[in-house]
């Protein structure tokens, strides 16, 4: 997975996440939207203004937390949930 910050301000982040598809992007977006301090989270697989961009571009907006920190927290949450699922399956 390769990340490239397209735009970052105090309240908004646009980041390209190379090599991922809807499966991962939907999970990441969903976890971001669960966070109380995230105002908006969305992704686009082929933004028109990109001239044919095919890697997903994630946009996160927050007035109360650094959007990059929100992405980091969401990634950690996904890791924790995946580990819990793996443990539950192993125990079954």
PDB file of N, CA and C in Angstrom:
ATOM      1  N   UNK A   1       0.848  -1.176   0.000  1.00  0.00           N
ATOM      2  CA  UNK A   1       0.000   0.000   0.000  1.00  0.00           C
ATOM      3  C   UNK A   1       0.891   1.235   0.000  1.00  0.00           C
ATOM      4  N   UNK A   2       0.657   2.097  -0.951  1.00  0.00           N
ATOM      5  CA  UNK A   2       1.400   3.353  -1.020  1.00  0.00           C
ATOM      6  C   UNK A   2       0.441   4.512  -0.771  1.00  0.00           C
ATOM      7  N   UNK A   3       0.886   5.459   0.038  1.00  0.00           N
ATOM      8  CA  UNK A   3       0.076   6.633   0.356  1.00  0.00           C
ATOM      9  C   UNK A   3       0.740   7.875  -0.221  1.00  0.00           C
ATOM     10  N   UNK A   4      -0.099   8.764  -0.745  1.00  0.00           N
ATOM     11  CA  UNK A   4       0.412  10.041  -1.244  1.00  0.00           C
ATOM     12  C   UNK A   4      -0.574  11.129  -0.843  1.00  0.00           C
ATOM     13  N   UNK A   5      -0.092  12.068  -0.035  1.00  0.00           N
ATOM     14  CA  UNK A   5      -0.935  13.180   0.381  1.00  0.00           C
ATOM     15  C   UNK A   5      -1.101  14.129  -0.806  1.00  0.00           C
ATOM     16  N   UNK A   6      -2.337  14.369  -1.171  1.00  0.00           N
ATOM     17  CA  UNK A   6      -2.645  15.270  -2.276  1.00  0.00           C
ATOM     18  C   UNK A   6      -2.821  16.686  -1.755  1.00  0.00           C
ATOM     19  N   UNK A   7      -3.536  16.791  -0.631  1.00  0.00           N
ATOM     20  CA  UNK A   7      -3.805  18.096  -0.021  1.00  0.00           C
ATOM     21  C   UNK A   7      -4.034  17.897   1.471  1.00  0.00           C
ATOM     22  N   UNK A   8      -3.465  18.775   2.275  1.00  0.00           N
ATOM     23  CA  UNK A   8      -3.678  18.695   3.721  1.00  0.00           C
ATOM     24  C   UNK A   8      -3.767  20.088   4.305  1.00  0.00           C
ATOM     25  N   UNK A   9      -4.840  20.306   5.043  1.00  0.00           N
ATOM     26  CA  UNK A   9      -4.996  21.524   5.827  1.00  0.00           C
ATOM     27  C   UNK A   9      -5.280  21.090   7.265  1.00  0.00           C
ATOM     28  N   UNK A  10      -5.543  22.053   8.133  1.00  0.00           N
ATOM     29  CA  UNK A  10      -5.862  21.710   9.521  1.00  0.00           C
ATOM     30  C   UNK A  10      -7.179  20.949   9.648  1.00  0.00           C
ATOM     31  N   UNK A  11      -8.071  21.119   8.667  1.00  0.00           N
ATOM     32  CA  UNK A  11      -9.398  20.524   8.774  1.00  0.00           C
ATOM     33  C   UNK A  11      -9.740  19.523   7.671  1.00  0.00           C
ATOM     34  N   UNK A  12      -8.869  19.364   6.673  1.00  0.00           N
ATOM     35  CA  UNK A  12      -9.191  18.459   5.565  1.00  0.00           C
ATOM     36  C   UNK A  12      -7.935  17.757   5.053  1.00  0.00           C
ATOM     37  N   UNK A  13      -8.126  16.506   4.674  1.00  0.00           N
ATOM     38  CA  UNK A  13      -7.052  15.695   4.112  1.00  0.00           C
ATOM     39  C   UNK A  13      -7.566  14.991   2.872  1.00  0.00           C
ATOM     40  N   UNK A  14      -6.790  15.060   1.790  1.00  0.00           N
ATOM     41  CA  UNK A  14      -7.043  14.259   0.588  1.00  0.00           C
ATOM     42  C   UNK A  14      -5.792  13.434   0.367  1.00  0.00           C
ATOM     43  N   UNK A  15      -5.975  12.109   0.354  1.00  0.00           N
ATOM     44  CA  UNK A  15      -4.834  11.206   0.260  1.00  0.00           C
ATOM     45  C   UNK A  15      -5.140  10.075  -0.708  1.00  0.00           C
ATOM     46  N   UNK A  16      -4.169   9.789  -1.574  1.00  0.00           N
ATOM     47  CA  UNK A  16      -4.293   8.680  -2.509  1.00  0.00           C
ATOM     48  C   UNK A  16      -3.773   7.419  -1.823  1.00  0.00           C
ATOM     49  N   UNK A  17      -4.534   6.338  -1.939  1.00  0.00           N
ATOM     50  CA  UNK A  17      -4.153   5.073  -1.328  1.00  0.00           C
ATOM     51  C   UNK A  17      -4.016   4.060  -2.460  1.00  0.00           C
ATOM     52  N   UNK A  18      -2.801   3.931  -2.968  1.00  0.00           N
ATOM     53  CA  UNK A  18      -2.544   3.103  -4.142  1.00  0.00           C
ATOM     54  C   UNK A  18      -2.672   1.617  -3.820  1.00  0.00           C
ATOM     55  N   UNK A  19      -3.204   0.885  -4.769  1.00  0.00           N
ATOM     56  CA  UNK A  19      -3.286  -0.563  -4.664  1.00  0.00           C
ATOM     57  C   UNK A  19      -4.490  -1.087  -3.916  1.00  0.00           C
ATOM     58  N   UNK A  20      -5.376  -0.217  -3.498  1.00  0.00           N
ATOM     59  CA  UNK A  20      -6.564  -0.661  -2.762  1.00  0.00           C
ATOM     60  C   UNK A  20      -7.805  -0.561  -3.644  1.00  0.00           C
ATOM     61  N   UNK A  21      -8.854  -1.266  -3.239  1.00  0.00           N
ATOM     62  CA  UNK A  21     -10.093  -1.257  -3.997  1.00  0.00           C
ATOM     63  C   UNK A  21     -11.259  -0.913  -3.077  1.00  0.00           C
ATOM     64  N   UNK A  22     -12.474  -1.104  -3.587  1.00  0.00           N
ATOM     65  CA  UNK A  22     -13.659  -0.750  -2.802  1.00  0.00           C
ATOM     66  C   UNK A  22     -13.732  -1.515  -1.481  1.00  0.00           C
ATOM     67  N   UNK A  23     -13.247  -2.738  -1.453  1.00  0.00           N
ATOM     68  CA  UNK A  23     -13.345  -3.543  -0.236  1.00  0.00           C
ATOM     69  C   UNK A  23     -12.685  -2.840   0.944  1.00  0.00           C
ATOM     70  N   UNK A  24     -11.439  -2.472   0.798  1.00  0.00           N
ATOM     71  CA  UNK A  24     -10.734  -1.799   1.891  1.00  0.00           C
ATOM     72  C   UNK A  24     -11.248  -0.381   2.097  1.00  0.00           C
ATOM     73  N   UNK A  25     -11.481   0.338   1.008  1.00  0.00           N
ATOM     74  CA  UNK A  25     -11.879   1.740   1.124  1.00  0.00           C
ATOM     75  C   UNK A  25     -13.224   1.879   1.843  1.00  0.00           C
ATOM     76  N   UNK A  26     -14.168   0.971   1.592  1.00  0.00           N
ATOM     77  CA  UNK A  26     -15.449   1.023   2.292  1.00  0.00           C
ATOM     78  C   UNK A  26     -15.287   0.783   3.788  1.00  0.00           C
ATOM     79  N   UNK A  27     -14.409  -0.164   4.138  1.00  0.00           N
ATOM     80  CA  UNK A  27     -14.155  -0.429   5.560  1.00  0.00           C
ATOM     81  C   UNK A  27     -13.530   0.801   6.216  1.00  0.00           C
ATOM     82  N   UNK A  28     -12.508   1.370   5.585  1.00  0.00           N
ATOM     83  CA  UNK A  28     -11.838   2.548   6.137  1.00  0.00           C
ATOM     84  C   UNK A  28     -12.807   3.718   6.275  1.00  0.00           C
ATOM     85  N   UNK A  29     -13.578   3.966   5.244  1.00  0.00           N
ATOM     86  CA  UNK A  29     -14.560   5.060   5.302  1.00  0.00           C
ATOM     87  C   UNK A  29     -15.573   4.814   6.422  1.00  0.00           C
ATOM     88  N   UNK A  30     -16.046   3.589   6.544  1.00  0.00           N
ATOM     89  CA  UNK A  30     -17.026   3.273   7.585  1.00  0.00           C
ATOM     90  C   UNK A  30     -16.498   3.502   8.981  1.00  0.00           C
ATOM     91  N   UNK A  31     -15.266   3.086   9.234  1.00  0.00           N
ATOM     92  CA  UNK A  31     -14.670   3.281  10.556  1.00  0.00           C
ATOM     93  C   UNK A  31     -14.447   4.770  10.822  1.00  0.00           C
ATOM     94  N   UNK A  32     -14.019   5.506   9.817  1.00  0.00           N
ATOM     95  CA  UNK A  32     -13.861   6.955   9.985  1.00  0.00           C
ATOM     96  C   UNK A  32     -15.186   7.612  10.345  1.00  0.00           C
ATOM     97  N   UNK A  33     -16.254   7.213   9.687  1.00  0.00           N
ATOM     98  CA  UNK A  33     -17.558   7.827   9.942  1.00  0.00           C
ATOM     99  C   UNK A  33     -18.117   7.470  11.319  1.00  0.00           C
ATOM    100  N   UNK A  34     -17.631   6.402  11.925  1.00  0.00           N
ATOM    101  CA  UNK A  34     -18.042   6.049  13.283  1.00  0.00           C
ATOM    102  C   UNK A  34     -17.440   6.990  14.321  1.00  0.00           C
ATOM    103  N   UNK A  35     -16.353   7.646  13.991  1.00  0.00           N
ATOM    104  CA  UNK A  35     -15.658   8.528  14.934  1.00  0.00           C
ATOM    105  C   UNK A  35     -16.443   9.823  15.123  1.00  0.00           C
ATOM    106  N   UNK A  36     -16.648  10.192  16.378  1.00  0.00           N
ATOM    107  CA  UNK A  36     -17.411  11.405  16.688  1.00  0.00           C
ATOM    108  C   UNK A  36     -16.726  12.671  16.178  1.00  0.00           C
ATOM    109  N   UNK A  37     -15.408  12.651  16.090  1.00  0.00           N
ATOM    110  CA  UNK A  37     -14.682  13.861  15.705  1.00  0.00           C
ATOM    111  C   UNK A  37     -14.432  13.981  14.201  1.00  0.00           C
ATOM    112  N   UNK A  38     -14.941  13.046  13.416  1.00  0.00           N
ATOM    113  CA  UNK A  38     -14.829  13.131  11.956  1.00  0.00           C
ATOM    114  C   UNK A  38     -16.151  13.661  11.407  1.00  0.00           C
ATOM    115  N   UNK A  39     -16.072  14.788  10.699  1.00  0.00           N
ATOM    116  CA  UNK A  39     -17.276  15.409  10.142  1.00  0.00           C
ATOM    117  C   UNK A  39     -17.701  14.770   8.833  1.00  0.00           C
ATOM    118  N   UNK A  40     -16.741  14.328   8.029  1.00  0.00           N
ATOM    119  CA  UNK A  40     -17.051  13.707   6.744  1.00  0.00           C
ATOM    120  C   UNK A  40     -15.894  12.817   6.322  1.00  0.00           C
ATOM    121  N   UNK A  41     -16.230  11.725   5.658  1.00  0.00           N
ATOM    122  CA  UNK A  41     -15.221  10.835   5.091  1.00  0.00           C
ATOM    123  C   UNK A  41     -15.825  10.213   3.840  1.00  0.00           C
ATOM    124  N   UNK A  42     -15.082  10.277   2.765  1.00  0.00           N
ATOM    125  CA  UNK A  42     -15.547   9.699   1.512  1.00  0.00           C
ATOM    126  C   UNK A  42     -14.338   9.316   0.675  1.00  0.00           C
ATOM    127  N   UNK A  43     -14.584   8.551  -0.366  1.00  0.00           N
ATOM    128  CA  UNK A  43     -13.490   8.243  -1.282  1.00  0.00           C
ATOM    129  C   UNK A  43     -14.037   8.206  -2.700  1.00  0.00           C
ATOM    130  N   UNK A  44     -13.133   8.396  -3.636  1.00  0.00           N
ATOM    131  CA  UNK A  44     -13.483   8.375  -5.053  1.00  0.00           C
ATOM    132  C   UNK A  44     -12.462   7.501  -5.755  1.00  0.00           C
ATOM    133  N   UNK A  45     -12.929   6.567  -6.559  1.00  0.00           N
ATOM    134  CA  UNK A  45     -12.023   5.672  -7.272  1.00  0.00           C
ATOM    135  C   UNK A  45     -11.503   6.266  -8.575  1.00  0.00           C
ATOM    136  N   UNK A  46     -12.191   7.232  -9.118  1.00  0.00           N
ATOM    137  CA  UNK A  46     -11.763   7.808 -10.393  1.00  0.00           C
ATOM    138  C   UNK A  46     -12.250   9.252 -10.495  1.00  0.00           C
ATOM    139  N   UNK A  47     -11.634  10.148  -9.740  1.00  0.00           N
ATOM    140  CA  UNK A  47     -12.073  11.538  -9.774  1.00  0.00           C
ATOM    141  C   UNK A  47     -11.944  12.134 -11.179  1.00  0.00           C
ATOM    142  N   UNK A  48     -12.988  12.795 -11.630  1.00  0.00           N
ATOM    143  CA  UNK A  48     -12.995  13.390 -12.969  1.00  0.00           C
ATOM    144  C   UNK A  48     -11.855  14.384 -13.153  1.00  0.00           C
ATOM    145  N   UNK A  49     -11.585  15.174 -12.148  1.00  0.00           N
ATOM    146  CA  UNK A  49     -10.567  16.211 -12.265  1.00  0.00           C
ATOM    147  C   UNK A  49      -9.151  15.649 -12.273  1.00  0.00           C
ATOM    148  N   UNK A  50      -9.003  14.339 -12.113  1.00  0.00           N
ATOM    149  CA  UNK A  50      -7.676  13.745 -12.041  1.00  0.00           C
ATOM    150  C   UNK A  50      -7.104  13.402 -13.408  1.00  0.00           C
ATOM    151  N   UNK A  51      -7.904  13.478 -14.442  1.00  0.00           N
ATOM    152  CA  UNK A  51      -7.416  13.114 -15.760  1.00  0.00           C
ATOM    153  C   UNK A  51      -7.228  11.614 -15.915  1.00  0.00           C
ATOM    154  N   UNK A  52      -8.085  10.832 -15.290  1.00  0.00           N
ATOM    155  CA  UNK A  52      -8.015   9.389 -15.445  1.00  0.00           C
ATOM    156  C   UNK A  52      -7.430   8.653 -14.253  1.00  0.00           C
ATOM    157  N   UNK A  53      -7.310   9.308 -13.139  1.00  0.00           N
ATOM    158  CA  UNK A  53      -6.816   8.700 -11.902  1.00  0.00           C
ATOM    159  C   UNK A  53      -7.630   7.454 -11.588  1.00  0.00           C
ATOM    160  N   UNK A  54      -6.972   6.348 -11.316  1.00  0.00           N
ATOM    161  CA  UNK A  54      -7.701   5.134 -10.982  1.00  0.00           C
ATOM    162  C   UNK A  54      -7.440   4.650  -9.562  1.00  0.00           C
ATOM    163  N   UNK A  55      -6.480   5.217  -8.869  1.00  0.00           N
ATOM    164  CA  UNK A  55      -6.244   4.849  -7.474  1.00  0.00           C
ATOM    165  C   UNK A  55      -7.246   5.610  -6.603  1.00  0.00           C
ATOM    166  N   UNK A  56      -7.717   4.986  -5.520  1.00  0.00           N
ATOM    167  CA  UNK A  56      -8.692   5.673  -4.677  1.00  0.00           C
ATOM    168  C   UNK A  56      -8.099   6.897  -3.978  1.00  0.00           C
ATOM    169  N   UNK A  57      -8.925   7.931  -3.879  1.00  0.00           N
ATOM    170  CA  UNK A  57      -8.558   9.148  -3.170  1.00  0.00           C
ATOM    171  C   UNK A  57      -9.529   9.301  -2.006  1.00  0.00           C
ATOM    172  N   UNK A  58      -8.995   9.278  -0.786  1.00  0.00           N
ATOM    173  CA  UNK A  58      -9.777   9.417   0.435  1.00  0.00           C
ATOM    174  C   UNK A  58      -9.793  10.876   0.849  1.00  0.00           C
ATOM    175  N   UNK A  59     -10.971  11.375   1.207  1.00  0.00           N
ATOM    176  CA  UNK A  59     -11.109  12.732   1.738  1.00  0.00           C
ATOM    177  C   UNK A  59     -11.699  12.640   3.138  1.00  0.00           C
ATOM    178  N   UNK A  60     -11.034  13.285   4.085  1.00  0.00           N
ATOM    179  CA  UNK A  60     -11.491  13.296   5.478  1.00  0.00           C
ATOM    180  C   UNK A  60     -11.539  14.741   5.943  1.00  0.00           C
ATOM    181  N   UNK A  61     -12.667  15.105   6.597  1.00  0.00           N
ATOM    182  CA  UNK A  61     -12.829  16.458   7.129  1.00  0.00           C
ATOM    183  C   UNK A  61     -13.145  16.377   8.617  1.00  0.00           C
ATOM    184  N   UNK A  62     -12.506  17.265   9.376  1.00  0.00           N
ATOM    185  CA  UNK A  62     -12.764  17.352  10.806  1.00  0.00           C
ATOM    186  C   UNK A  62     -12.405  18.742  11.302  1.00  0.00           C
ATOM    187  N   UNK A  63     -13.263  19.296  12.105  1.00  0.00           N
ATOM    188  CA  UNK A  63     -13.007  20.603  12.710  1.00  0.00           C
ATOM    189  C   UNK A  63     -12.305  20.473  14.062  1.00  0.00           C
ATOM    190  N   UNK A  64     -12.280  19.257  14.640  1.00  0.00           N
ATOM    191  CA  UNK A  64     -11.783  19.107  16.005  1.00  0.00           C
ATOM    192  C   UNK A  64     -10.530  18.257  16.146  1.00  0.00           C
ATOM    193  N   UNK A  65     -10.155  17.530  15.108  1.00  0.00           N
ATOM    194  CA  UNK A  65      -8.970  16.664  15.183  1.00  0.00           C
ATOM    195  C   UNK A  65      -8.237  16.736  13.848  1.00  0.00           C
ATOM    196  N   UNK A  66      -6.937  16.526  13.882  1.00  0.00           N
ATOM    197  CA  UNK A  66      -6.160  16.490  12.653  1.00  0.00           C
ATOM    198  C   UNK A  66      -6.658  15.303  11.818  1.00  0.00           C
ATOM    199  N   UNK A  67      -7.082  15.532  10.584  1.00  0.00           N
ATOM    200  CA  UNK A  67      -7.620  14.441   9.761  1.00  0.00           C
ATOM    201  C   UNK A  67      -6.631  13.285   9.576  1.00  0.00           C
ATOM    202  N   UNK A  68      -5.348  13.562   9.535  1.00  0.00           N
ATOM    203  CA  UNK A  68      -4.354  12.491   9.403  1.00  0.00           C
ATOM    204  C   UNK A  68      -4.347  11.609  10.650  1.00  0.00           C
ATOM    205  N   UNK A  69      -4.523  12.223  11.821  1.00  0.00           N
ATOM    206  CA  UNK A  69      -4.640  11.447  13.058  1.00  0.00           C
ATOM    207  C   UNK A  69      -5.892  10.579  13.037  1.00  0.00           C
ATOM    208  N   UNK A  70      -6.972  11.105  12.476  1.00  0.00           N
ATOM    209  CA  UNK A  70      -8.211  10.331  12.373  1.00  0.00           C
ATOM    210  C   UNK A  70      -8.014   9.095  11.500  1.00  0.00           C
ATOM    211  N   UNK A  71      -7.277   9.237  10.403  1.00  0.00           N
ATOM    212  CA  UNK A  71      -6.995   8.090   9.535  1.00  0.00           C
ATOM    213  C   UNK A  71      -6.131   7.074  10.282  1.00  0.00           C
ATOM    214  N   UNK A  72      -5.137   7.556  11.002  1.00  0.00           N
ATOM    215  CA  UNK A  72      -4.282   6.660  11.781  1.00  0.00           C
ATOM    216  C   UNK A  72      -5.101   5.888  12.821  1.00  0.00           C
ATOM    217  N   UNK A  73      -5.997   6.578  13.521  1.00  0.00           N
ATOM    218  CA  UNK A  73      -6.847   5.928  14.518  1.00  0.00           C
ATOM    219  C   UNK A  73      -7.774   4.904  13.869  1.00  0.00           C
ATOM    220  N   UNK A  74      -8.311   5.239  12.698  1.00  0.00           N
ATOM    221  CA  UNK A  74      -9.200   4.314  11.988  1.00  0.00           C
ATOM    222  C   UNK A  74      -8.435   3.067  11.561  1.00  0.00           C
ATOM    223  N   UNK A  75      -7.222   3.234  11.074  1.00  0.00           N
ATOM    224  CA  UNK A  75      -6.407   2.085  10.670  1.00  0.00           C
ATOM    225  C   UNK A  75      -6.112   1.182  11.868  1.00  0.00           C
ATOM    226  N   UNK A  76      -5.822   1.778  13.016  1.00  0.00           N
ATOM    227  CA  UNK A  76      -5.563   0.996  14.230  1.00  0.00           C
ATOM    228  C   UNK A  76      -6.823   0.238  14.649  1.00  0.00           C
ATOM    229  N   UNK A  77      -7.978   0.881  14.525  1.00  0.00           N
ATOM    230  CA  UNK A  77      -9.237   0.230  14.866  1.00  0.00           C
ATOM    231  C   UNK A  77      -9.510  -0.963  13.951  1.00  0.00           C
ATOM    232  N   UNK A  78      -9.224  -0.805  12.667  1.00  0.00           N
ATOM    233  CA  UNK A  78      -9.415  -1.910  11.716  1.00  0.00           C
ATOM    234  C   UNK A  78      -8.491  -3.077  12.093  1.00  0.00           C
ATOM    235  N   UNK A  79      -7.262  -2.766  12.437  1.00  0.00           N
ATOM    236  CA  UNK A  79      -6.313  -3.810  12.841  1.00  0.00           C
ATOM    237  C   UNK A  79      -6.821  -4.555  14.072  1.00  0.00           C
ATOM    238  N   UNK A  80      -7.316  -3.815  15.067  1.00  0.00           N
ATOM    239  CA  UNK A  80      -7.835  -4.433  16.289  1.00  0.00           C
ATOM    240  C   UNK A  80      -9.045  -5.307  15.996  1.00  0.00           C
ATOM    241  N   UNK A  81      -9.950  -4.815  15.179  1.00  0.00           N
ATOM    242  CA  UNK A  81     -11.158  -5.585  14.850  1.00  0.00           C
ATOM    243  C   UNK A  81     -10.817  -6.841  14.062  1.00  0.00           C
ATOM    244  N   UNK A  82      -9.863  -6.737  13.169  1.00  0.00           N
ATOM    245  CA  UNK A  82      -9.446  -7.897  12.382  1.00  0.00           C
ATOM    246  C   UNK A  82      -8.825  -8.958  13.289  1.00  0.00           C
ATOM    247  N   UNK A  83      -8.006  -8.534  14.234  1.00  0.00           N
ATOM    248  CA  UNK A  83      -7.389  -9.468  15.180  1.00  0.00           C
ATOM    249  C   UNK A  83      -8.454 -10.147  16.032  1.00  0.00           C
ATOM    250  N   UNK A  84      -9.449  -9.379  16.468  1.00  0.00           N
ATOM    251  CA  UNK A  84     -10.525  -9.950  17.278  1.00  0.00           C
ATOM    252  C   UNK A  84     -11.319 -10.978  16.476  1.00  0.00           C
ATOM    253  N   UNK A  85     -11.581 -10.687  15.219  1.00  0.00           N
ATOM    254  CA  UNK A  85     -12.287 -11.642  14.364  1.00  0.00           C
ATOM    255  C   UNK A  85     -11.455 -12.904  14.169  1.00  0.00           C
ATOM    256  N   UNK A  86     -10.178 -12.735  13.887  1.00  0.00           N
ATOM    257  CA  UNK A  86      -9.293 -13.896  13.705  1.00  0.00           C
ATOM    258  C   UNK A  86      -9.277 -14.758  14.965  1.00  0.00           C
ATOM    259  N   UNK A  87      -9.205 -14.119  16.141  1.00  0.00           N
ATOM    260  CA  UNK A  87      -9.197 -14.870  17.393  1.00  0.00           C
ATOM    261  C   UNK A  87     -10.509 -15.617  17.607  1.00  0.00           C
ATOM    262  N   UNK A  88     -11.626 -14.976  17.265  1.00  0.00           N
ATOM    263  CA  UNK A  88     -12.927 -15.612  17.424  1.00  0.00           C
ATOM    264  C   UNK A  88     -13.069 -16.808  16.490  1.00  0.00           C
ATOM    265  N   UNK A  89     -12.601 -16.667  15.275  1.00  0.00           N
ATOM    266  CA  UNK A  89     -12.670 -17.771  14.307  1.00  0.00           C
ATOM    267  C   UNK A  89     -11.781 -18.925  14.771  1.00  0.00           C
ATOM    268  N   UNK A  90     -10.598 -18.596  15.258  1.00  0.00           N
ATOM    269  CA  UNK A  90      -9.672 -19.635  15.736  1.00  0.00           C
ATOM    270  C   UNK A  90     -10.265 -20.387  16.909  1.00  0.00           C
ATOM    271  N   UNK A  91     -10.971 -19.653  17.777  1.00  0.00           N
ATOM    272  CA  UNK A  91     -11.553 -20.267  18.972  1.00  0.00           C
ATOM    273  C   UNK A  91     -12.808 -21.079  18.667  1.00  0.00           C
ATOM    274  N   UNK A  92     -13.392 -20.855  17.516  1.00  0.00           N
ATOM    275  CA  UNK A  92     -14.670 -21.531  17.181  1.00  0.00           C
ATOM    276  C   UNK A  92     -14.464 -22.998  16.847  1.00  0.00           C
TER     277      UNK A  92
END
